[in-house]
Amino acid sequence: MVSRELKKIALDRIGRLMDFARKHAAERPEIAREAIILAIRIAQKARVRIPRKYKRMFCRKCGTPFWTPNSFTIRVRDRRSTHIVIKCLKCGYIKRIPVKKPKPHESTSWKT
């Protein structure tokens, strides 16, 4: 069983590696990719989920960061339900992110 302190350390290390990968993605994409793969391994070993804000920054299949130019395409689709489609141009993996439609606000004139 993994302790809370170990999970906290793992999340901190994952955050640092993702920030490092973001800084170095443009000039050295291979180093950024290695940092992302290392962050994934840390998460697996510590049995921690990678936070959503970091999970959407790289390809799940090949680990390519989505900060590098010409590494991905983004589309918004309205079939079935509205979702964002991110396609990795290195391996062809397609990531779909659902988008919730905003609920119409209740009118305030009915308040008493």
C-alpha atoms as a PDB file:
ATOM      1  CA  MET A   1       0.000   0.000   0.000  1.00  0.00           C
ATOM      2  CA  VAL A   2       1.281   3.437  -0.936  1.00  0.00           C
ATOM      3  CA  SER A   3       1.369   6.071   1.783  1.00  0.00           C
ATOM      4  CA  ARG A   4      -0.116   9.545   1.479  1.00  0.00           C
ATOM      5  CA  GLU A   5       3.300  11.160   1.669  1.00  0.00           C
ATOM      6  CA  LEU A   6       4.563   9.074  -1.229  1.00  0.00           C
ATOM      7  CA  LYS A   7       1.523  10.034  -3.322  1.00  0.00           C
ATOM      8  CA  LYS A   8       2.065  13.700  -2.490  1.00  0.00           C
ATOM      9  CA  ILE A   9       5.718  13.461  -3.521  1.00  0.00           C
ATOM     10  CA  ALA A  10       4.737  11.665  -6.736  1.00  0.00           C
ATOM     11  CA  LEU A  11       2.194  14.358  -7.682  1.00  0.00           C
ATOM     12  CA  ASP A  12       4.781  17.073  -7.014  1.00  0.00           C
ATOM     13  CA  ARG A  13       7.351  15.257  -9.164  1.00  0.00           C
ATOM     14  CA  ILE A  14       4.788  14.772 -11.957  1.00  0.00           C
ATOM     15  CA  GLY A  15       4.018  18.504 -11.917  1.00  0.00           C
ATOM     16  CA  ARG A  16       7.699  19.414 -12.109  1.00  0.00           C
ATOM     17  CA  LEU A  17       8.326  17.008 -14.995  1.00  0.00           C
ATOM     18  CA  MET A  18       5.344  18.324 -16.943  1.00  0.00           C
ATOM     19  CA  ASP A  19       6.507  21.923 -16.464  1.00  0.00           C
ATOM     20  CA  PHE A  20       9.986  20.894 -17.599  1.00  0.00           C
ATOM     21  CA  ALA A  21       8.512  19.200 -20.667  1.00  0.00           C
ATOM     22  CA  ARG A  22       6.470  22.300 -21.521  1.00  0.00           C
ATOM     23  CA  LYS A  23       9.540  24.556 -21.340  1.00  0.00           C
ATOM     24  CA  HIS A  24      11.704  22.325 -23.536  1.00  0.00           C
ATOM     25  CA  ALA A  25       9.098  21.025 -26.003  1.00  0.00           C
ATOM     26  CA  ALA A  26       9.774  23.572 -28.750  1.00  0.00           C
ATOM     27  CA  GLU A  27      13.554  23.276 -29.009  1.00  0.00           C
ATOM     28  CA  ARG A  28      14.074  19.666 -27.828  1.00  0.00           C
ATOM     29  CA  PRO A  29      10.907  17.559 -28.246  1.00  0.00           C
ATOM     30  CA  GLU A  30      12.677  14.251 -27.523  1.00  0.00           C
ATOM     31  CA  ILE A  31      13.730  15.408 -24.043  1.00  0.00           C
ATOM     32  CA  ALA A  32      10.172  16.628 -23.412  1.00  0.00           C
ATOM     33  CA  ARG A  33       8.831  13.230 -24.508  1.00  0.00           C
ATOM     34  CA  GLU A  34      11.208  11.406 -22.158  1.00  0.00           C
ATOM     35  CA  ALA A  35      10.116  13.659 -19.268  1.00  0.00           C
ATOM     36  CA  ILE A  36       6.468  12.847 -19.997  1.00  0.00           C
ATOM     37  CA  ILE A  37       7.158   9.103 -20.124  1.00  0.00           C
ATOM     38  CA  LEU A  38       9.045   9.381 -16.825  1.00  0.00           C
ATOM     39  CA  ALA A  39       6.063  11.200 -15.267  1.00  0.00           C
ATOM     40  CA  ILE A  40       3.750   8.401 -16.461  1.00  0.00           C
ATOM     41  CA  ARG A  41       6.032   5.780 -14.907  1.00  0.00           C
ATOM     42  CA  ILE A  42       6.115   7.674 -11.598  1.00  0.00           C
ATOM     43  CA  ALA A  43       2.310   7.820 -11.586  1.00  0.00           C
ATOM     44  CA  GLN A  44       2.072   4.103 -12.270  1.00  0.00           C
ATOM     45  CA  LYS A  45       4.587   3.177  -9.594  1.00  0.00           C
ATOM     46  CA  ALA A  46       2.976   5.405  -6.950  1.00  0.00           C
ATOM     47  CA  ARG A  47      -0.532   4.367  -8.079  1.00  0.00           C
ATOM     48  CA  VAL A  48      -1.578   7.983  -8.597  1.00  0.00           C
ATOM     49  CA  ARG A  49      -3.701   9.415 -11.390  1.00  0.00           C
ATOM     50  CA  ILE A  50      -2.087  12.066 -13.528  1.00  0.00           C
ATOM     51  CA  PRO A  51      -4.084  15.297 -13.024  1.00  0.00           C
ATOM     52  CA  ARG A  52      -6.474  16.165 -15.841  1.00  0.00           C
ATOM     53  CA  LYS A  53      -4.652  19.376 -16.767  1.00  0.00           C
ATOM     54  CA  TYR A  54      -1.482  17.359 -17.450  1.00  0.00           C
ATOM     55  CA  LYS A  55      -3.216  14.355 -18.994  1.00  0.00           C
ATOM     56  CA  ARG A  56      -4.549  16.468 -21.851  1.00  0.00           C
ATOM     57  CA  MET A  57      -1.089  17.797 -22.725  1.00  0.00           C
ATOM     58  CA  PHE A  58       0.359  14.676 -24.333  1.00  0.00           C
ATOM     59  CA  CYS A  59      -0.535  11.727 -26.559  1.00  0.00           C
ATOM     60  CA  ARG A  60      -1.540   8.679 -24.566  1.00  0.00           C
ATOM     61  CA  LYS A  61      -0.136   6.256 -27.132  1.00  0.00           C
ATOM     62  CA  CYS A  62       3.301   7.670 -28.016  1.00  0.00           C
ATOM     63  CA  GLY A  63       3.901  10.355 -25.348  1.00  0.00           C
ATOM     64  CA  THR A  64       4.377  13.223 -27.796  1.00  0.00           C
ATOM     65  CA  PRO A  65       3.782  16.597 -26.109  1.00  0.00           C
ATOM     66  CA  PHE A  66       1.053  18.701 -27.666  1.00  0.00           C
ATOM     67  CA  TRP A  67       3.052  21.920 -27.260  1.00  0.00           C
ATOM     68  CA  THR A  68       5.330  21.215 -30.188  1.00  0.00           C
ATOM     69  CA  PRO A  69       4.243  22.778 -33.464  1.00  0.00           C
ATOM     70  CA  ASN A  70       2.870  20.456 -36.164  1.00  0.00           C
ATOM     71  CA  SER A  71       2.371  17.548 -33.770  1.00  0.00           C
ATOM     72  CA  PHE A  72      -1.426  17.583 -33.502  1.00  0.00           C
ATOM     73  CA  THR A  73      -4.709  18.869 -34.942  1.00  0.00           C
ATOM     74  CA  ILE A  74      -7.738  20.098 -33.002  1.00  0.00           C
ATOM     75  CA  ARG A  75     -11.356  20.032 -34.175  1.00  0.00           C
ATOM     76  CA  VAL A  76     -14.696  20.658 -32.502  1.00  0.00           C
ATOM     77  CA  ARG A  77     -17.389  18.151 -33.435  1.00  0.00           C
ATOM     78  CA  ASP A  78     -21.111  18.319 -32.782  1.00  0.00           C
ATOM     79  CA  ARG A  79     -22.076  14.761 -33.698  1.00  0.00           C
ATOM     80  CA  ARG A  80     -23.701  12.615 -30.993  1.00  0.00           C
ATOM     81  CA  SER A  81     -22.548  15.055 -28.315  1.00  0.00           C
ATOM     82  CA  THR A  82     -20.300  18.080 -28.573  1.00  0.00           C
ATOM     83  CA  HIS A  83     -16.665  17.113 -28.129  1.00  0.00           C
ATOM     84  CA  ILE A  84     -13.143  18.251 -28.956  1.00  0.00           C
ATOM     85  CA  VAL A  85     -11.060  15.920 -31.121  1.00  0.00           C
ATOM     86  CA  ILE A  86      -7.267  16.055 -30.779  1.00  0.00           C
ATOM     87  CA  LYS A  87      -5.354  13.939 -33.292  1.00  0.00           C
ATOM     88  CA  CYS A  88      -1.670  13.134 -32.834  1.00  0.00           C
ATOM     89  CA  LEU A  89       0.161  13.508 -36.133  1.00  0.00           C
ATOM     90  CA  LYS A  90       3.052  11.259 -35.018  1.00  0.00           C
ATOM     91  CA  CYS A  91       1.083   8.058 -34.323  1.00  0.00           C
ATOM     92  CA  GLY A  92      -2.502   8.868 -35.393  1.00  0.00           C
ATOM     93  CA  TYR A  93      -4.087   8.434 -31.947  1.00  0.00           C
ATOM     94  CA  ILE A  94      -7.388  10.308 -31.548  1.00  0.00           C
ATOM     95  CA  LYS A  95      -8.292  11.788 -28.172  1.00  0.00           C
ATOM     96  CA  ARG A  96     -11.882  12.926 -27.630  1.00  0.00           C
ATOM     97  CA  ILE A  97     -12.755  15.322 -24.820  1.00  0.00           C
ATOM     98  CA  PRO A  98     -16.466  15.853 -24.097  1.00  0.00           C
ATOM     99  CA  VAL A  99     -17.698  19.416 -23.764  1.00  0.00           C
ATOM    100  CA  LYS A 100     -20.664  20.237 -21.576  1.00  0.00           C
ATOM    101  CA  LYS A 101     -23.098  22.702 -23.019  1.00  0.00           C
ATOM    102  CA  PRO A 102     -23.857  25.598 -20.681  1.00  0.00           C
ATOM    103  CA  LYS A 103     -27.217  25.384 -19.008  1.00  0.00           C
ATOM    104  CA  PRO A 104     -29.549  28.310 -19.629  1.00  0.00           C
ATOM    105  CA  HIS A 105     -29.677  30.573 -16.623  1.00  0.00           C
ATOM    106  CA  GLU A 106     -32.908  30.760 -14.728  1.00  0.00           C
ATOM    107  CA  SER A 107     -34.642  34.080 -15.039  1.00  0.00           C
ATOM    108  CA  THR A 108     -34.420  36.280 -11.999  1.00  0.00           C
ATOM    109  CA  SER A 109     -37.807  37.953 -12.542  1.00  0.00           C
ATOM    110  CA  TRP A 110     -39.626  35.060 -10.856  1.00  0.00           C
ATOM    111  CA  LYS A 111     -37.851  35.536  -7.567  1.00  0.00           C
ATOM    112  CA  THR A 112     -40.033  36.774  -4.755  1.00  0.00           C
END
